[in-house]
C-alpha cells in the first residue's frame, strides 16, 4: 500500500544537488560524498526492508500454523459427525 511506497521512496532522501551549488557540476570530493550519502541511504533502506520481510515471514509462519491447526480440528469434527450419522442410520 501507501506505507510501503513511502518506505521505498521517502521524502528525506538526500538531494541530488545542493541548493548552494545550483548546478550538477560537482568536484571529486563532493561526488564521493554524494555517493557515500546515497550508499548509506540505500543501506538503511535495505535494512528496514529486510526487517519488514523478516517480520512478514514470521507472521506468515504463524498464520500457516493456525491454518493447519484449524484444518486438523475441522477434519476431526467432520470425521466425528460422519461417525455419528453412520451410527444414527444403523
C-alpha atoms as a PDB file:
ATOM      1  CA  UNK A   1       0.000   0.000   0.000  1.00  0.00           C
ATOM      2  CA  UNK A   2       0.872   3.600   0.543  1.00  0.00           C
ATOM      3  CA  UNK A   3       3.151   2.979   3.521  1.00  0.00           C
ATOM      4  CA  UNK A   4       5.351   0.611   1.502  1.00  0.00           C
ATOM      5  CA  UNK A   5       5.587   3.233  -1.271  1.00  0.00           C
ATOM      6  CA  UNK A   6       6.668   5.866   1.266  1.00  0.00           C
ATOM      7  CA  UNK A   7       9.219   3.463   2.744  1.00  0.00           C
ATOM      8  CA  UNK A   8      10.662   2.749  -0.693  1.00  0.00           C
ATOM      9  CA  UNK A   9      10.624   6.387  -1.816  1.00  0.00           C
ATOM     10  CA  UNK A  10      10.830   8.527   1.333  1.00  0.00           C
ATOM     11  CA  UNK A  11      10.865  12.294   1.277  1.00  0.00           C
ATOM     12  CA  UNK A  12      14.032  12.542   3.413  1.00  0.00           C
ATOM     13  CA  UNK A  13      16.321  11.210   0.679  1.00  0.00           C
ATOM     14  CA  UNK A  14      19.498  13.283   0.275  1.00  0.00           C
ATOM     15  CA  UNK A  15      19.008  15.863  -2.506  1.00  0.00           C
ATOM     16  CA  UNK A  16      20.760  15.280  -5.824  1.00  0.00           C
ATOM     17  CA  UNK A  17      22.054  18.842  -5.956  1.00  0.00           C
ATOM     18  CA  UNK A  18      22.849  21.066  -3.034  1.00  0.00           C
ATOM     19  CA  UNK A  19      20.982  24.387  -3.335  1.00  0.00           C
ATOM     20  CA  UNK A  20      24.315  26.168  -2.763  1.00  0.00           C
ATOM     21  CA  UNK A  21      25.775  24.749  -5.977  1.00  0.00           C
ATOM     22  CA  UNK A  22      22.752  25.140  -8.228  1.00  0.00           C
ATOM     23  CA  UNK A  23      24.428  23.006 -10.880  1.00  0.00           C
ATOM     24  CA  UNK A  24      25.228  19.338 -11.493  1.00  0.00           C
ATOM     25  CA  UNK A  25      28.984  20.038 -11.775  1.00  0.00           C
ATOM     26  CA  UNK A  26      30.498  18.681  -8.578  1.00  0.00           C
ATOM     27  CA  UNK A  27      34.122  18.312  -7.564  1.00  0.00           C
ATOM     28  CA  UNK A  28      35.513  14.825  -6.959  1.00  0.00           C
ATOM     29  CA  UNK A  29      35.262  15.110  -3.138  1.00  0.00           C
ATOM     30  CA  UNK A  30      31.678  16.363  -3.470  1.00  0.00           C
ATOM     31  CA  UNK A  31      30.870  13.496  -5.835  1.00  0.00           C
ATOM     32  CA  UNK A  32      32.406  10.987  -3.435  1.00  0.00           C
ATOM     33  CA  UNK A  33      30.442  12.487  -0.538  1.00  0.00           C
ATOM     34  CA  UNK A  34      27.278  12.291  -2.616  1.00  0.00           C
ATOM     35  CA  UNK A  35      27.959   8.625  -3.452  1.00  0.00           C
ATOM     36  CA  UNK A  36      28.651   7.906   0.232  1.00  0.00           C
ATOM     37  CA  UNK A  37      25.368   9.573   1.245  1.00  0.00           C
ATOM     38  CA  UNK A  38      23.457   7.635  -1.384  1.00  0.00           C
ATOM     39  CA  UNK A  39      25.102   4.367  -0.331  1.00  0.00           C
ATOM     40  CA  UNK A  40      24.252   4.990   3.331  1.00  0.00           C
ATOM     41  CA  UNK A  41      20.693   5.845   2.358  1.00  0.00           C
ATOM     42  CA  UNK A  42      20.360   2.651   0.299  1.00  0.00           C
ATOM     43  CA  UNK A  43      21.932   0.635   3.117  1.00  0.00           C
ATOM     44  CA  UNK A  44      19.371   1.939   5.608  1.00  0.00           C
ATOM     45  CA  UNK A  45      16.555   1.275   3.126  1.00  0.00           C
ATOM     46  CA  UNK A  46      17.840  -2.268   2.627  1.00  0.00           C
ATOM     47  CA  UNK A  47      17.999  -2.822   6.375  1.00  0.00           C
ATOM     48  CA  UNK A  48      14.455  -1.572   7.012  1.00  0.00           C
ATOM     49  CA  UNK A  49      13.058  -3.623   4.110  1.00  0.00           C
ATOM     50  CA  UNK A  50      14.934  -6.701   5.346  1.00  0.00           C
ATOM     51  CA  UNK A  51      13.459  -6.251   8.845  1.00  0.00           C
ATOM     52  CA  UNK A  52       9.995  -5.823   7.307  1.00  0.00           C
ATOM     53  CA  UNK A  53      10.432  -9.010   5.230  1.00  0.00           C
ATOM     54  CA  UNK A  54      11.562 -10.974   8.289  1.00  0.00           C
ATOM     55  CA  UNK A  55       8.527  -9.717  10.207  1.00  0.00           C
ATOM     56  CA  UNK A  56       6.187 -10.713   7.369  1.00  0.00           C
ATOM     57  CA  UNK A  57       7.819 -14.145   7.061  1.00  0.00           C
ATOM     58  CA  UNK A  58       7.329 -14.685  10.783  1.00  0.00           C
ATOM     59  CA  UNK A  59       3.664 -13.629  10.539  1.00  0.00           C
ATOM     60  CA  UNK A  60       3.193 -15.941   7.543  1.00  0.00           C
ATOM     61  CA  UNK A  61       4.602 -18.883   9.511  1.00  0.00           C
ATOM     62  CA  UNK A  62       2.295 -18.119  12.438  1.00  0.00           C
ATOM     63  CA  UNK A  63      -0.770 -17.798  10.183  1.00  0.00           C
ATOM     64  CA  UNK A  64       0.123 -21.075   8.448  1.00  0.00           C
ATOM     65  CA  UNK A  65       0.461 -22.795  11.825  1.00  0.00           C
ATOM     66  CA  UNK A  66      -3.023 -21.564  12.799  1.00  0.00           C
ATOM     67  CA  UNK A  67      -4.420 -22.673   9.443  1.00  0.00           C
ATOM     68  CA  UNK A  68      -3.044 -26.205   9.895  1.00  0.00           C
ATOM     69  CA  UNK A  69      -4.408 -26.346  13.441  1.00  0.00           C
ATOM     70  CA  UNK A  70      -7.894 -25.242  12.324  1.00  0.00           C
ATOM     71  CA  UNK A  71      -7.784 -27.621   9.359  1.00  0.00           C
ATOM     72  CA  UNK A  72      -6.949 -30.554  11.643  1.00  0.00           C
ATOM     73  CA  UNK A  73      -9.751 -29.572  14.039  1.00  0.00           C
ATOM     74  CA  UNK A  74     -12.223 -29.256  11.162  1.00  0.00           C
ATOM     75  CA  UNK A  75     -11.141 -32.594   9.713  1.00  0.00           C
ATOM     76  CA  UNK A  76     -11.552 -34.259  13.124  1.00  0.00           C
ATOM     77  CA  UNK A  77     -15.015 -32.740  13.571  1.00  0.00           C
ATOM     78  CA  UNK A  78     -16.079 -33.922  10.109  1.00  0.00           C
ATOM     79  CA  UNK A  79     -14.966 -37.473  10.921  1.00  0.00           C
ATOM     80  CA  UNK A  80     -16.860 -37.387  14.230  1.00  0.00           C
ATOM     81  CA  UNK A  81     -20.002 -36.038  12.531  1.00  0.00           C
ATOM     82  CA  UNK A  82     -19.710 -38.718   9.850  1.00  0.00           C
ATOM     83  CA  UNK A  83     -19.354 -41.431  12.515  1.00  0.00           C
ATOM     84  CA  UNK A  84     -22.445 -40.113  14.333  1.00  0.00           C
ATOM     85  CA  UNK A  85     -24.566 -40.006  11.179  1.00  0.00           C
ATOM     86  CA  UNK A  86     -23.467 -43.566  10.338  1.00  0.00           C
ATOM     87  CA  UNK A  87     -24.312 -44.657  13.888  1.00  0.00           C
ATOM     88  CA  UNK A  88     -27.734 -42.972  13.726  1.00  0.00           C
ATOM     89  CA  UNK A  89     -28.627 -44.593  10.384  1.00  0.00           C
ATOM     90  CA  UNK A  90     -27.810 -48.114  11.608  1.00  0.00           C
END
